[in-house]
PDB file of N, CA and C in Angstrom:
ATOM      1  N   MET A   1      56.218 208.658 153.502  1.00  0.00           N
ATOM      2  CA  MET A   1      56.583 208.629 154.914  1.00  0.00           C
ATOM      3  C   MET A   1      57.418 209.870 155.227  1.00  0.00           C
ATOM      4  N   THR A   2      57.084 210.560 156.316  1.00  0.00           N
ATOM      5  CA  THR A   2      57.842 211.730 156.713  1.00  0.00           C
ATOM      6  C   THR A   2      58.554 211.439 158.019  1.00  0.00           C
ATOM      7  N   ALA A   3      59.508 212.313 158.369  1.00  0.00           N
ATOM      8  CA  ALA A   3      60.265 212.133 159.600  1.00  0.00           C
ATOM      9  C   ALA A   3      59.358 212.247 160.827  1.00  0.00           C
ATOM     10  N   GLU A   4      58.266 213.023 160.714  1.00  0.00           N
ATOM     11  CA  GLU A   4      57.379 213.237 161.853  1.00  0.00           C
ATOM     12  C   GLU A   4      56.399 212.087 162.056  1.00  0.00           C
ATOM     13  N   MET A   5      56.147 211.305 161.016  1.00  0.00           N
ATOM     14  CA  MET A   5      55.130 210.258 161.080  1.00  0.00           C
ATOM     15  C   MET A   5      55.771 208.921 161.455  1.00  0.00           C
ATOM     16  N   PRO A   6      55.243 208.240 162.484  1.00  0.00           N
ATOM     17  CA  PRO A   6      55.777 206.915 162.807  1.00  0.00           C
ATOM     18  C   PRO A   6      55.668 205.998 161.590  1.00  0.00           C
ATOM     19  N   ILE A   7      56.662 205.166 161.399  1.00  0.00           N
ATOM     20  CA  ILE A   7      56.725 204.327 160.201  1.00  0.00           C
ATOM     21  C   ILE A   7      55.500 203.444 160.044  1.00  0.00           C
ATOM     22  N   TRP A   8      54.957 202.937 161.152  1.00  0.00           N
ATOM     23  CA  TRP A   8      53.839 202.003 161.039  1.00  0.00           C
ATOM     24  C   TRP A   8      52.579 202.667 160.488  1.00  0.00           C
ATOM     25  N   GLN A   9      52.507 203.978 160.509  1.00  0.00           N
ATOM     26  CA  GLN A   9      51.343 204.671 159.945  1.00  0.00           C
ATOM     27  C   GLN A   9      51.351 204.667 158.422  1.00  0.00           C
ATOM     28  N   SER A  10      52.492 204.351 157.815  1.00  0.00           N
ATOM     29  CA  SER A  10      52.564 204.347 156.363  1.00  0.00           C
ATOM     30  C   SER A  10      52.332 202.950 155.775  1.00  0.00           C
ATOM     31  N   PHE A  11      52.030 201.976 156.615  1.00  0.00           N
ATOM     32  CA  PHE A  11      51.770 200.612 156.167  1.00  0.00           C
ATOM     33  C   PHE A  11      50.350 200.219 156.517  1.00  0.00           C
ATOM     34  N   ASP A  12      49.798 199.260 155.762  1.00  0.00           N
ATOM     35  CA  ASP A  12      48.434 198.837 156.078  1.00  0.00           C
ATOM     36  C   ASP A  12      48.437 197.939 157.320  1.00  0.00           C
ATOM     37  N   GLY A  13      47.268 197.755 157.886  1.00  0.00           N
ATOM     38  CA  GLY A  13      47.124 197.002 159.129  1.00  0.00           C
ATOM     39  C   GLY A  13      47.600 195.571 159.035  1.00  0.00           C
ATOM     40  N   GLN A  14      47.400 194.936 157.882  1.00  0.00           N
ATOM     41  CA  GLN A  14      47.823 193.547 157.726  1.00  0.00           C
ATOM     42  C   GLN A  14      49.340 193.420 157.767  1.00  0.00           C
ATOM     43  N   GLN A  15      50.038 194.342 157.136  1.00  0.00           N
ATOM     44  CA  GLN A  15      51.498 194.315 157.173  1.00  0.00           C
ATOM     45  C   GLN A  15      51.990 194.460 158.612  1.00  0.00           C
ATOM     46  N   LEU A  16      51.399 195.397 159.329  1.00  0.00           N
ATOM     47  CA  LEU A  16      51.804 195.625 160.708  1.00  0.00           C
ATOM     48  C   LEU A  16      51.483 194.408 161.567  1.00  0.00           C
ATOM     49  N   GLU A  17      50.303 193.822 161.400  1.00  0.00           N
ATOM     50  CA  GLU A  17      49.932 192.634 162.176  1.00  0.00           C
ATOM     51  C   GLU A  17      50.894 191.486 161.942  1.00  0.00           C
ATOM     52  N   ARG A  18      51.288 191.282 160.686  1.00  0.00           N
ATOM     53  CA  ARG A  18      52.241 190.200 160.378  1.00  0.00           C
ATOM     54  C   ARG A  18      53.573 190.438 161.083  1.00  0.00           C
ATOM     55  N   CYS A  19      54.021 191.670 161.096  1.00  0.00           N
ATOM     56  CA  CYS A  19      55.288 191.985 161.751  1.00  0.00           C
ATOM     57  C   CYS A  19      55.181 191.872 163.269  1.00  0.00           C
ATOM     58  N   VAL A  20      54.061 192.310 163.840  1.00  0.00           N
ATOM     59  CA  VAL A  20      53.862 192.179 165.287  1.00  0.00           C
ATOM     60  C   VAL A  20      53.900 190.702 165.684  1.00  0.00           C
ATOM     61  N   ALA A  21      53.320 189.851 164.857  1.00  0.00           N
ATOM     62  CA  ALA A  21      53.307 188.417 165.143  1.00  0.00           C
ATOM     63  C   ALA A  21      54.717 187.824 165.170  1.00  0.00           C
ATOM     64  N   LEU A  22      55.668 188.486 164.507  1.00  0.00           N
ATOM     65  CA  LEU A  22      57.045 187.991 164.476  1.00  0.00           C
ATOM     66  C   LEU A  22      57.864 188.408 165.696  1.00  0.00           C
ATOM     67  N   LEU A  23      57.332 189.330 166.486  1.00  0.00           N
ATOM     68  CA  LEU A  23      58.054 189.771 167.687  1.00  0.00           C
ATOM     69  C   LEU A  23      58.125 188.647 168.701  1.00  0.00           C
ATOM     70  N   GLU A  24      59.190 188.643 169.505  1.00  0.00           N
ATOM     71  CA  GLU A  24      59.245 187.661 170.584  1.00  0.00           C
ATOM     72  C   GLU A  24      58.118 187.962 171.565  1.00  0.00           C
ATOM     73  N   PRO A  25      57.607 186.945 172.249  1.00  0.00           N
ATOM     74  CA  PRO A  25      56.402 187.108 173.083  1.00  0.00           C
ATOM     75  C   PRO A  25      56.453 188.265 174.088  1.00  0.00           C
ATOM     76  N   SER A  26      57.557 188.451 174.784  1.00  0.00           N
ATOM     77  CA  SER A  26      57.599 189.522 175.790  1.00  0.00           C
ATOM     78  C   SER A  26      57.463 190.896 175.148  1.00  0.00           C
ATOM     79  N   LEU A  27      58.045 191.076 173.971  1.00  0.00           N
ATOM     80  CA  LEU A  27      57.925 192.354 173.267  1.00  0.00           C
ATOM     81  C   LEU A  27      56.521 192.534 172.713  1.00  0.00           C
ATOM     82  N   ARG A  28      55.977 191.458 172.154  1.00  0.00           N
ATOM     83  CA  ARG A  28      54.628 191.510 171.581  1.00  0.00           C
ATOM     84  C   ARG A  28      53.595 191.837 172.661  1.00  0.00           C
ATOM     85  N   GLN A  29      53.719 191.233 173.841  1.00  0.00           N
ATOM     86  CA  GLN A  29      52.772 191.492 174.928  1.00  0.00           C
ATOM     87  C   GLN A  29      52.834 192.949 175.380  1.00  0.00           C
ATOM     88  N   ALA A  30      54.042 193.448 175.594  1.00  0.00           N
ATOM     89  CA  ALA A  30      54.194 194.835 176.043  1.00  0.00           C
ATOM     90  C   ALA A  30      53.666 195.798 174.983  1.00  0.00           C
ATOM     91  N   TYR A  31      53.989 195.537 173.718  1.00  0.00           N
ATOM     92  CA  TYR A  31      53.518 196.385 172.621  1.00  0.00           C
ATOM     93  C   TYR A  31      51.992 196.383 172.563  1.00  0.00           C
ATOM     94  N   ALA A  32      51.400 195.204 172.649  1.00  0.00           N
ATOM     95  CA  ALA A  32      49.938 195.090 172.555  1.00  0.00           C
ATOM     96  C   ALA A  32      49.249 195.859 173.679  1.00  0.00           C
ATOM     97  N   LEU A  33      49.747 195.726 174.889  1.00  0.00           N
ATOM     98  CA  LEU A  33      49.121 196.413 176.020  1.00  0.00           C
ATOM     99  C   LEU A  33      49.293 197.924 175.923  1.00  0.00           C
ATOM    100  N   ARG A  34      50.493 198.344 175.594  1.00  0.00           N
ATOM    101  CA  ARG A  34      50.793 199.776 175.598  1.00  0.00           C
ATOM    102  C   ARG A  34      50.255 200.496 174.364  1.00  0.00           C
ATOM    103  N   VAL A  35      50.435 199.906 173.208  1.00  0.00           N
ATOM    104  CA  VAL A  35      50.104 200.599 171.958  1.00  0.00           C
ATOM    105  C   VAL A  35      48.705 200.250 171.476  1.00  0.00           C
ATOM    106  N   GLU A  36      48.388 198.965 171.408  1.00  0.00           N
ATOM    107  CA  GLU A  36      47.092 198.566 170.865  1.00  0.00           C
ATOM    108  C   GLU A  36      45.962 198.781 171.872  1.00  0.00           C
ATOM    109  N   GLN A  37      46.198 198.436 173.141  1.00  0.00           N
ATOM    110  CA  GLN A  37      45.149 198.602 174.155  1.00  0.00           C
ATOM    111  C   GLN A  37      45.245 199.949 174.869  1.00  0.00           C
ATOM    112  N   ARG A  38      46.304 200.679 174.588  1.00  0.00           N
ATOM    113  CA  ARG A  38      46.513 202.030 175.122  1.00  0.00           C
ATOM    114  C   ARG A  38      46.537 202.107 176.651  1.00  0.00           C
ATOM    115  N   LEU A  39      47.128 201.091 177.265  1.00  0.00           N
ATOM    116  CA  LEU A  39      47.304 201.142 178.711  1.00  0.00           C
ATOM    117  C   LEU A  39      48.489 202.042 179.034  1.00  0.00           C
ATOM    118  N   SER A  40      48.477 202.612 180.221  1.00  0.00           N
ATOM    119  CA  SER A  40      49.636 203.383 180.665  1.00  0.00           C
ATOM    120  C   SER A  40      50.778 202.404 180.943  1.00  0.00           C
ATOM    121  N   LEU A  41      51.970 202.935 181.086  1.00  0.00           N
ATOM    122  CA  LEU A  41      53.098 202.065 181.433  1.00  0.00           C
ATOM    123  C   LEU A  41      52.838 201.346 182.748  1.00  0.00           C
ATOM    124  N   ALA A  42      52.290 202.068 183.715  1.00  0.00           N
ATOM    125  CA  ALA A  42      52.015 201.469 185.034  1.00  0.00           C
ATOM    126  C   ALA A  42      50.969 200.360 184.919  1.00  0.00           C
ATOM    127  N   GLU A  43      49.915 200.592 184.137  1.00  0.00           N
ATOM    128  CA  GLU A  43      48.876 199.571 183.961  1.00  0.00           C
ATOM    129  C   GLU A  43      49.435 198.336 183.253  1.00  0.00           C
ATOM    130  N   ALA A  44      50.233 198.554 182.225  1.00  0.00           N
ATOM    131  CA  ALA A  44      50.834 197.430 181.503  1.00  0.00           C
ATOM    132  C   ALA A  44      51.788 196.664 182.409  1.00  0.00           C
ATOM    133  N   ALA A  45      52.542 197.394 183.228  1.00  0.00           N
ATOM    134  CA  ALA A  45      53.476 196.745 184.151  1.00  0.00           C
ATOM    135  C   ALA A  45      52.727 195.875 185.160  1.00  0.00           C
ATOM    136  N   ARG A  46      51.622 196.387 185.702  1.00  0.00           N
ATOM    137  CA  ARG A  46      50.819 195.590 186.640  1.00  0.00           C
ATOM    138  C   ARG A  46      50.271 194.342 185.953  1.00  0.00           C
ATOM    139  N   THR A  47      49.785 194.495 184.735  1.00  0.00           N
ATOM    140  CA  THR A  47      49.221 193.369 183.989  1.00  0.00           C
ATOM    141  C   THR A  47      50.268 192.296 183.745  1.00  0.00           C
ATOM    142  N   LEU A  48      51.483 192.716 183.396  1.00  0.00           N
ATOM    143  CA  LEU A  48      52.553 191.766 183.088  1.00  0.00           C
ATOM    144  C   LEU A  48      53.330 191.313 184.324  1.00  0.00           C
ATOM    145  N   GLY A  49      53.157 192.021 185.422  1.00  0.00           N
ATOM    146  CA  GLY A  49      53.881 191.666 186.654  1.00  0.00           C
ATOM    147  C   GLY A  49      55.366 191.979 186.575  1.00  0.00           C
ATOM    148  N   VAL A  50      55.703 193.083 185.877  1.00  0.00           N
ATOM    149  CA  VAL A  50      57.095 193.507 185.735  1.00  0.00           C
ATOM    150  C   VAL A  50      57.207 194.987 186.079  1.00  0.00           C
ATOM    151  N   PRO A  51      58.420 195.481 186.321  1.00  0.00           N
ATOM    152  CA  PRO A  51      58.593 196.909 186.598  1.00  0.00           C
ATOM    153  C   PRO A  51      58.200 197.789 185.405  1.00  0.00           C
ATOM    154  N   VAL A  52      57.816 199.015 185.702  1.00  0.00           N
ATOM    155  CA  VAL A  52      57.425 199.979 184.672  1.00  0.00           C
ATOM    156  C   VAL A  52      58.548 200.160 183.651  1.00  0.00           C
ATOM    157  N   ALA A  53      59.782 200.262 184.124  1.00  0.00           N
ATOM    158  CA  ALA A  53      60.915 200.453 183.216  1.00  0.00           C
ATOM    159  C   ALA A  53      61.061 199.286 182.240  1.00  0.00           C
ATOM    160  N   THR A  54      60.736 198.100 182.689  1.00  0.00           N
ATOM    161  CA  THR A  54      60.818 196.922 181.820  1.00  0.00           C
ATOM    162  C   THR A  54      59.814 197.038 180.677  1.00  0.00           C
ATOM    163  N   VAL A  55      58.609 197.488 180.996  1.00  0.00           N
ATOM    164  CA  VAL A  55      57.601 197.669 179.947  1.00  0.00           C
ATOM    165  C   VAL A  55      58.080 198.714 178.948  1.00  0.00           C
ATOM    166  N   GLY A  56      58.598 199.819 179.440  1.00  0.00           N
ATOM    167  CA  GLY A  56      59.106 200.865 178.555  1.00  0.00           C
ATOM    168  C   GLY A  56      60.204 200.356 177.636  1.00  0.00           C
ATOM    169  N   THR A  57      61.110 199.576 178.189  1.00  0.00           N
ATOM    170  CA  THR A  57      62.194 199.010 177.390  1.00  0.00           C
ATOM    171  C   THR A  57      61.655 198.044 176.350  1.00  0.00           C
ATOM    172  N   ARG A  58      60.712 197.205 176.740  1.00  0.00           N
ATOM    173  CA  ARG A  58      60.148 196.233 175.798  1.00  0.00           C
ATOM    174  C   ARG A  58      59.388 196.918 174.668  1.00  0.00           C
ATOM    175  N   VAL A  59      58.651 197.959 174.986  1.00  0.00           N
ATOM    176  CA  VAL A  59      57.914 198.688 173.945  1.00  0.00           C
ATOM    177  C   VAL A  59      58.895 199.371 172.998  1.00  0.00           C
ATOM    178  N   TYR A  60      59.942 199.955 173.540  1.00  0.00           N
ATOM    179  CA  TYR A  60      60.973 200.583 172.710  1.00  0.00           C
ATOM    180  C   TYR A  60      61.594 199.548 171.769  1.00  0.00           C
ATOM    181  N   ARG A  61      61.963 198.400 172.320  1.00  0.00           N
ATOM    182  CA  ARG A  61      62.577 197.353 171.501  1.00  0.00           C
ATOM    183  C   ARG A  61      61.598 196.812 170.463  1.00  0.00           C
ATOM    184  N   ALA A  62      60.331 196.695 170.841  1.00  0.00           N
ATOM    185  CA  ALA A  62      59.318 196.216 169.894  1.00  0.00           C
ATOM    186  C   ALA A  62      59.185 197.193 168.726  1.00  0.00           C
ATOM    187  N   ARG A  63      59.117 198.475 169.016  1.00  0.00           N
ATOM    188  CA  ARG A  63      58.983 199.481 167.963  1.00  0.00           C
ATOM    189  C   ARG A  63      60.215 199.487 167.047  1.00  0.00           C
ATOM    190  N   ARG A  64      61.375 199.357 167.660  1.00  0.00           N
ATOM    191  CA  ARG A  64      62.607 199.322 166.867  1.00  0.00           C
ATOM    192  C   ARG A  64      62.620 198.099 165.947  1.00  0.00           C
ATOM    193  N   ARG A  65      62.203 196.937 166.469  1.00  0.00           N
ATOM    194  CA  ARG A  65      62.160 195.710 165.666  1.00  0.00           C
ATOM    195  C   ARG A  65      61.093 195.811 164.566  1.00  0.00           C
ATOM    196  N   LEU A  66      59.948 196.387 164.898  1.00  0.00           N
ATOM    197  CA  LEU A  66      58.896 196.574 163.892  1.00  0.00           C
ATOM    198  C   LEU A  66      59.381 197.461 162.753  1.00  0.00           C
ATOM    199  N   ARG A  67      60.083 198.498 163.089  1.00  0.00           N
ATOM    200  CA  ARG A  67      60.630 199.390 162.058  1.00  0.00           C
ATOM    201  C   ARG A  67      61.534 198.598 161.115  1.00  0.00           C
ATOM    202  N   THR A  68      62.415 197.788 161.689  1.00  0.00           N
ATOM    203  CA  THR A  68      63.324 196.975 160.882  1.00  0.00           C
ATOM    204  C   THR A  68      62.553 196.010 159.991  1.00  0.00           C
ATOM    205  N   LEU A  69      61.566 195.334 160.555  1.00  0.00           N
ATOM    206  CA  LEU A  69      60.782 194.359 159.802  1.00  0.00           C
ATOM    207  C   LEU A  69      59.979 195.026 158.685  1.00  0.00           C
ATOM    208  N   LEU A  70      59.349 196.146 158.989  1.00  0.00           N
ATOM    209  CA  LEU A  70      58.542 196.839 157.987  1.00  0.00           C
ATOM    210  C   LEU A  70      59.396 197.367 156.846  1.00  0.00           C
ATOM    211  N   LEU A  71      60.543 197.940 157.178  1.00  0.00           N
ATOM    212  CA  LEU A  71      61.422 198.460 156.131  1.00  0.00           C
ATOM    213  C   LEU A  71      62.010 197.339 155.286  1.00  0.00           C
ATOM    214  N   ALA A  72      62.315 196.205 155.914  1.00  0.00           N
ATOM    215  CA  ALA A  72      62.837 195.055 155.163  1.00  0.00           C
ATOM    216  C   ALA A  72      61.786 194.572 154.172  1.00  0.00           C
ATOM    217  N   GLY A  73      60.547 194.497 154.596  1.00  0.00           N
ATOM    218  CA  GLY A  73      59.468 194.087 153.708  1.00  0.00           C
ATOM    219  C   GLY A  73      59.265 195.062 152.575  1.00  0.00           C
ATOM    220  N   GLU A  74      59.356 196.345 152.867  1.00  0.00           N
ATOM    221  CA  GLU A  74      59.195 197.373 151.842  1.00  0.00           C
ATOM    222  C   GLU A  74      60.313 197.262 150.803  1.00  0.00           C
ATOM    223  N   ARG A  75      61.538 197.013 151.250  1.00  0.00           N
ATOM    224  CA  ARG A  75      62.668 196.868 150.321  1.00  0.00           C
ATOM    225  C   ARG A  75      62.487 195.646 149.428  1.00  0.00           C
ATOM    226  N   GLN A  76      61.979 194.552 149.979  1.00  0.00           N
ATOM    227  CA  GLN A  76      61.747 193.344 149.178  1.00  0.00           C
ATOM    228  C   GLN A  76      60.728 193.611 148.079  1.00  0.00           C
ATOM    229  N   VAL A  77      59.662 194.317 148.413  1.00  0.00           N
ATOM    230  CA  VAL A  77      58.643 194.643 147.412  1.00  0.00           C
ATOM    231  C   VAL A  77      59.246 195.538 146.338  1.00  0.00           C
ATOM    232  N   GLN A  78      60.013 196.538 146.739  1.00  0.00           N
ATOM    233  CA  GLN A  78      60.622 197.450 145.774  1.00  0.00           C
ATOM    234  C   GLN A  78      61.600 196.699 144.871  1.00  0.00           C
ATOM    235  N   ASN A  79      62.383 195.782 145.430  1.00  0.00           N
ATOM    236  CA  ASN A  79      63.314 194.991 144.626  1.00  0.00           C
ATOM    237  C   ASN A  79      62.571 194.160 143.573  1.00  0.00           C
ATOM    238  N   ARG A  80      61.442 193.573 143.967  1.00  0.00           N
ATOM    239  CA  ARG A  80      60.650 192.785 143.019  1.00  0.00           C
ATOM    240  C   ARG A  80      60.092 193.667 141.907  1.00  0.00           C
ATOM    241  N   LEU A  81      59.653 194.874 142.268  1.00  0.00           N
ATOM    242  CA  LEU A  81      59.151 195.803 141.255  1.00  0.00           C
ATOM    243  C   LEU A  81      60.256 196.222 140.300  1.00  0.00           C
ATOM    244  N   ASP A  82      61.439 196.468 140.854  1.00  0.00           N
ATOM    245  CA  ASP A  82      62.575 196.870 140.019  1.00  0.00           C
ATOM    246  C   ASP A  82      62.953 195.750 139.055  1.00  0.00           C
ATOM    247  N   GLU A  83      62.929 194.509 139.542  1.00  0.00           N
ATOM    248  CA  GLU A  83      63.276 193.366 138.693  1.00  0.00           C
ATOM    249  C   GLU A  83      62.245 193.174 137.590  1.00  0.00           C
ATOM    250  N   ALA A  84      60.983 193.413 137.894  1.00  0.00           N
ATOM    251  CA  ALA A  84      59.907 193.228 136.915  1.00  0.00           C
ATOM    252  C   ALA A  84      59.875 194.361 135.890  1.00  0.00           C
ATOM    253  N   GLY A  85      60.349 195.544 136.312  1.00  0.00           N
ATOM    254  CA  GLY A  85      60.214 196.736 135.475  1.00  0.00           C
ATOM    255  C   GLY A  85      61.248 196.827 134.431  1.00  0.00           C
TER     256      GLY A  85
END
């Protein structure tokens, strides 16, 4: 993983899907529309019936939470490997 590459690009799709499923519904919906379906902020806002800024905030929070979840999972795997090794 490099500083330029988003963290989710260094994990497989199943890991990311599991973490997305753990997001609270409002964050998961905004993330899915903006990132997975590639809607603009305005399109996602219309779909959700919320202001554009709200969608932006929810996507930001979703990405921040995903980063935390993915890194926590990576640390758990590394700890298990260290214990086994």
